[in-house]
Amino acid sequence: MEQLVTIELFGQPYTFKAESDVADAKEVADYLVKEVTKIETQHSSKSPGVTKLATMILAALNIANENIGLKNKHSVLLRDISKRSANLVNTLDAAVRG
């Protein structure tokens, strides 16, 4: 079911249709706003002329970097779980046979 979600960026409201769970869509939108605000705060004193587009690109790069880091950690975790599970199965098999 589609619902509308509104966020505010750079003092302007932006509304979009959310096809997934609205709570999830709102969380994603709020995360973007938080990241954009963080970039604005970090660069306001250092580079007062940073454009909205540059701010959005930096926020997107930060989010993408975090996403890739989490994917890598997830892959490592899955490999570890797989390895441990195989070791556990081998140990159980040996105990049953022994």
Protein backbone atom coordinates (compact mmCIF):
# COMPACT_ATOMS: atom_id res chain seq x y z
CA MET A 1 0.00 0.00 0.00
CA GLU A 2 1.44 3.36 -1.04
CA GLN A 3 1.61 6.17 1.47
CA LEU A 4 3.21 9.60 1.39
CA VAL A 5 6.26 10.43 3.47
CA THR A 6 7.52 14.00 3.82
CA ILE A 7 10.99 15.10 4.88
CA GLU A 8 12.61 18.50 5.06
CA LEU A 9 15.97 19.18 3.43
CA PHE A 10 17.58 22.60 3.08
CA GLY A 11 14.45 24.21 4.48
CA GLN A 12 12.19 22.66 1.83
CA PRO A 13 9.70 19.84 2.25
CA TYR A 14 10.05 16.83 -0.06
CA THR A 15 7.24 14.32 -0.32
CA PHE A 16 7.55 10.88 -1.86
CA LYS A 17 5.47 7.75 -2.18
CA ALA A 18 6.51 4.87 0.03
CA GLU A 19 5.57 1.46 -1.27
CA SER A 20 7.08 -0.42 1.65
CA ASP A 21 6.21 -0.17 5.31
CA VAL A 22 5.81 3.54 6.05
CA ALA A 23 7.73 3.22 9.31
CA ASP A 24 10.71 1.83 7.34
CA ALA A 25 10.42 4.54 4.68
CA LYS A 26 10.26 7.23 7.36
CA GLU A 27 13.32 5.75 9.08
CA VAL A 28 15.26 5.78 5.80
CA ALA A 29 14.19 9.35 5.07
CA ASP A 30 15.07 10.48 8.58
CA TYR A 31 18.48 8.84 8.24
CA LEU A 32 19.12 10.84 5.06
CA VAL A 33 18.09 14.06 6.81
CA LYS A 34 20.40 13.24 9.73
CA GLU A 35 23.31 12.57 7.38
CA VAL A 36 22.70 15.77 5.39
CA THR A 37 22.49 17.77 8.64
CA LYS A 38 25.76 16.20 9.82
CA ILE A 39 27.49 17.20 6.55
CA GLU A 40 26.07 20.73 6.76
CA THR A 41 27.32 21.07 10.33
CA GLN A 42 30.78 19.70 9.52
CA HIS A 43 31.28 21.92 6.49
CA SER A 44 29.50 25.11 7.49
CA SER A 45 32.51 26.55 9.27
CA LYS A 46 35.19 25.03 7.02
CA SER A 47 33.61 25.64 3.62
CA PRO A 48 30.69 28.05 3.81
CA GLY A 49 30.12 27.85 0.03
CA VAL A 50 29.33 24.13 -0.16
CA THR A 51 26.38 23.68 -2.50
CA LYS A 52 23.28 21.65 -1.79
CA LEU A 53 24.32 19.20 -4.49
CA ALA A 54 27.77 18.75 -2.94
CA THR A 55 26.16 18.24 0.47
CA MET A 56 23.80 15.59 -0.95
CA ILE A 57 26.68 13.83 -2.73
CA LEU A 58 28.78 13.78 0.45
CA ALA A 59 25.81 12.43 2.42
CA ALA A 60 25.21 9.77 -0.24
CA LEU A 61 28.88 8.79 -0.21
CA ASN A 62 28.86 8.51 3.60
CA ILE A 63 25.73 6.34 3.49
CA ALA A 64 27.16 4.18 0.69
CA ASN A 65 30.44 3.78 2.59
CA GLU A 66 28.58 2.71 5.72
CA ASN A 67 26.44 0.31 3.68
CA ILE A 68 29.48 -1.33 2.07
CA GLY A 69 31.18 -1.63 5.46
CA LEU A 70 28.10 -3.31 6.90
CA LYS A 71 27.87 -5.67 3.91
CA ASN A 72 31.50 -6.65 4.40
CA LYS A 73 30.96 -7.27 8.12
CA HIS A 74 27.87 -9.30 7.28
CA SER A 75 29.84 -11.45 4.83
CA VAL A 76 32.56 -12.07 7.41
CA LEU A 77 29.92 -12.97 9.99
CA LEU A 78 28.21 -15.40 7.60
CA ARG A 79 31.53 -17.08 6.80
CA ASP A 80 32.30 -17.36 10.52
CA ILE A 81 28.88 -18.82 11.29
CA SER A 82 29.22 -21.26 8.40
CA LYS A 83 32.66 -22.37 9.56
CA ARG A 84 31.54 -22.76 13.17
CA SER A 85 28.42 -24.66 12.12
CA ALA A 86 30.49 -27.05 10.02
CA ASN A 87 32.87 -27.59 12.95
CA LEU A 88 29.94 -28.22 15.28
CA VAL A 89 28.38 -30.72 12.86
CA ASN A 90 31.73 -32.51 12.52
CA THR A 91 32.11 -32.63 16.31
CA LEU A 92 28.58 -33.99 16.74
CA ASP A 93 29.11 -36.57 13.98
CA ALA A 94 32.34 -37.71 15.63
CA ALA A 95 30.61 -37.98 19.02
CA VAL A 96 27.74 -40.01 17.55
CA ARG A 97 30.12 -42.35 15.73
CA GLY A 98 32.55 -42.64 18.62
